[in-house]
């Protein structure tokens, strides 16, 4: 899991909104943009091109 201080400053790079863990705690979700950013080797990959869309 990511450090609490880091989680407080992380924001969605697309809308600058808040992100939170997904259910599996292996990604960060922006509810506004419906994007999930992966966490690889305990490092959040906050790149729009790497995000997975949560909409069908």
N, C-alpha and C. Protein backbone atom coordinates (compact mmCIF):
# COMPACT_ATOMS: atom_id res chain seq x y z
N UNK A 1 0.84 -1.19 0.00
CA UNK A 1 0.00 0.00 0.00
C UNK A 1 0.88 1.24 0.00
N UNK A 2 0.34 2.29 -0.58
CA UNK A 2 1.06 3.54 -0.67
C UNK A 2 1.00 4.30 0.64
N UNK A 3 2.00 5.12 0.87
CA UNK A 3 2.07 5.95 2.06
C UNK A 3 0.86 6.88 2.11
N UNK A 4 0.32 7.09 3.30
CA UNK A 4 -0.87 7.93 3.46
C UNK A 4 -0.62 9.36 2.98
N UNK A 5 0.56 9.89 3.24
CA UNK A 5 0.89 11.25 2.80
C UNK A 5 0.90 11.34 1.27
N UNK A 6 1.41 10.30 0.61
CA UNK A 6 1.43 10.28 -0.85
C UNK A 6 0.00 10.23 -1.39
N UNK A 7 -0.84 9.42 -0.78
CA UNK A 7 -2.24 9.32 -1.23
C UNK A 7 -2.96 10.66 -1.13
N UNK A 8 -2.60 11.46 -0.14
CA UNK A 8 -3.25 12.76 0.04
C UNK A 8 -2.90 13.74 -1.06
N UNK A 9 -1.73 13.60 -1.68
CA UNK A 9 -1.33 14.56 -2.71
C UNK A 9 -1.54 14.05 -4.13
N UNK A 10 -1.79 12.75 -4.30
CA UNK A 10 -2.02 12.21 -5.64
C UNK A 10 -3.35 12.71 -6.19
N UNK A 11 -3.36 13.02 -7.47
CA UNK A 11 -4.58 13.47 -8.13
C UNK A 11 -4.62 12.88 -9.53
N UNK A 12 -5.80 12.77 -10.07
CA UNK A 12 -5.98 12.31 -11.44
C UNK A 12 -5.31 13.32 -12.37
N UNK A 13 -4.43 12.87 -13.26
CA UNK A 13 -3.77 13.80 -14.16
C UNK A 13 -4.71 14.42 -15.21
N UNK A 14 -5.85 13.80 -15.42
CA UNK A 14 -6.79 14.31 -16.43
C UNK A 14 -7.67 15.43 -15.88
N UNK A 15 -8.28 15.21 -14.70
CA UNK A 15 -9.21 16.20 -14.15
C UNK A 15 -8.72 16.85 -12.85
N UNK A 16 -7.60 16.38 -12.34
CA UNK A 16 -7.01 16.87 -11.08
C UNK A 16 -7.88 16.53 -9.86
N UNK A 17 -8.79 15.56 -10.03
CA UNK A 17 -9.66 15.13 -8.94
C UNK A 17 -8.99 14.08 -8.06
N UNK A 18 -9.66 13.73 -6.99
CA UNK A 18 -9.16 12.75 -6.04
C UNK A 18 -9.17 11.35 -6.65
N UNK A 19 -8.24 10.52 -6.19
CA UNK A 19 -8.18 9.12 -6.56
C UNK A 19 -8.20 8.28 -5.29
N UNK A 20 -8.71 7.06 -5.40
CA UNK A 20 -8.72 6.14 -4.27
C UNK A 20 -8.41 4.74 -4.79
N UNK A 21 -8.06 3.87 -3.86
CA UNK A 21 -7.74 2.48 -4.23
C UNK A 21 -8.94 1.79 -4.85
N UNK A 22 -8.66 0.87 -5.78
CA UNK A 22 -9.70 -0.01 -6.29
C UNK A 22 -9.90 -1.13 -5.26
N UNK A 23 -10.83 -2.02 -5.52
CA UNK A 23 -11.14 -3.09 -4.55
C UNK A 23 -9.96 -4.02 -4.30
N UNK A 24 -9.15 -4.26 -5.31
CA UNK A 24 -8.01 -5.17 -5.17
C UNK A 24 -6.76 -4.47 -4.63
N UNK A 25 -6.82 -3.15 -4.50
CA UNK A 25 -5.69 -2.33 -4.04
C UNK A 25 -4.48 -2.44 -4.96
N UNK A 26 -4.73 -2.67 -6.26
CA UNK A 26 -3.64 -2.73 -7.23
C UNK A 26 -3.76 -1.62 -8.28
N UNK A 27 -4.62 -0.65 -7.97
CA UNK A 27 -4.81 0.49 -8.87
C UNK A 27 -5.50 1.62 -8.14
N UNK A 28 -5.44 2.80 -8.75
CA UNK A 28 -6.10 3.99 -8.20
C UNK A 28 -7.18 4.42 -9.17
N UNK A 29 -8.35 4.72 -8.64
CA UNK A 29 -9.52 5.03 -9.45
C UNK A 29 -9.91 6.49 -9.30
N UNK A 30 -10.21 7.12 -10.44
CA UNK A 30 -10.81 8.45 -10.46
C UNK A 30 -12.28 8.24 -10.82
N UNK A 31 -13.18 8.53 -9.89
CA UNK A 31 -14.60 8.34 -10.16
C UNK A 31 -15.13 9.33 -11.19
N UNK A 32 -14.58 10.53 -11.23
CA UNK A 32 -15.04 11.55 -12.17
C UNK A 32 -14.75 11.14 -13.61
N UNK A 33 -13.53 10.71 -13.88
CA UNK A 33 -13.12 10.34 -15.24
C UNK A 33 -13.39 8.88 -15.56
N UNK A 34 -13.73 8.08 -14.55
CA UNK A 34 -13.93 6.65 -14.72
C UNK A 34 -12.69 5.99 -15.31
N UNK A 35 -11.52 6.34 -14.73
CA UNK A 35 -10.25 5.76 -15.13
C UNK A 35 -9.59 5.09 -13.94
N UNK A 36 -8.85 4.02 -14.23
CA UNK A 36 -8.09 3.33 -13.20
C UNK A 36 -6.62 3.34 -13.59
N UNK A 37 -5.80 3.90 -12.70
CA UNK A 37 -4.36 3.98 -12.92
C UNK A 37 -3.69 2.82 -12.19
N UNK A 38 -2.81 2.09 -12.87
CA UNK A 38 -2.18 0.92 -12.24
C UNK A 38 -1.13 1.30 -11.20
N UNK A 39 -0.89 0.39 -10.27
CA UNK A 39 0.22 0.50 -9.33
C UNK A 39 1.15 -0.66 -9.66
N UNK A 40 2.39 -0.33 -10.02
CA UNK A 40 3.38 -1.35 -10.37
C UNK A 40 4.57 -1.23 -9.44
N UNK A 41 4.92 -2.32 -8.79
CA UNK A 41 6.06 -2.34 -7.85
C UNK A 41 5.93 -1.22 -6.82
N UNK A 42 4.72 -1.05 -6.28
CA UNK A 42 4.40 -0.03 -5.28
C UNK A 42 4.57 1.40 -5.78
N UNK A 43 4.54 1.60 -7.10
CA UNK A 43 4.65 2.93 -7.69
C UNK A 43 3.40 3.19 -8.53
N UNK A 44 2.63 4.24 -8.21
CA UNK A 44 1.46 4.55 -9.02
C UNK A 44 1.88 5.10 -10.37
N UNK A 45 1.30 4.56 -11.43
CA UNK A 45 1.60 5.01 -12.79
C UNK A 45 0.49 5.98 -13.19
N UNK A 46 0.74 7.26 -12.96
CA UNK A 46 -0.29 8.29 -13.16
C UNK A 46 -0.16 8.92 -14.54
N UNK A 47 -0.24 8.08 -15.56
CA UNK A 47 -0.20 8.52 -16.95
C UNK A 47 -1.53 8.19 -17.61
N UNK A 48 -2.13 9.17 -18.26
CA UNK A 48 -3.44 8.96 -18.88
C UNK A 48 -3.37 7.82 -19.89
N UNK A 49 -2.29 7.73 -20.63
CA UNK A 49 -2.15 6.66 -21.64
C UNK A 49 -2.09 5.26 -21.02
N UNK A 50 -1.70 5.16 -19.76
CA UNK A 50 -1.60 3.87 -19.07
C UNK A 50 -2.88 3.51 -18.32
N UNK A 51 -3.81 4.46 -18.20
CA UNK A 51 -5.04 4.23 -17.44
C UNK A 51 -5.99 3.32 -18.20
N UNK A 52 -6.79 2.58 -17.43
CA UNK A 52 -7.81 1.70 -17.99
C UNK A 52 -9.18 2.35 -17.78
N UNK A 53 -9.97 2.39 -18.83
CA UNK A 53 -11.32 2.96 -18.74
C UNK A 53 -12.22 2.02 -17.95
N UNK A 54 -13.05 2.56 -17.08
CA UNK A 54 -13.98 1.76 -16.29
C UNK A 54 -15.38 1.74 -16.90
N UNK A 55 -15.55 2.45 -18.01
CA UNK A 55 -16.85 2.45 -18.68
C UNK A 55 -16.84 1.45 -19.83
N UNK A 56 -17.98 0.91 -20.07
CA UNK A 56 -18.06 -0.12 -21.14
C UNK A 56 -18.23 0.48 -22.50
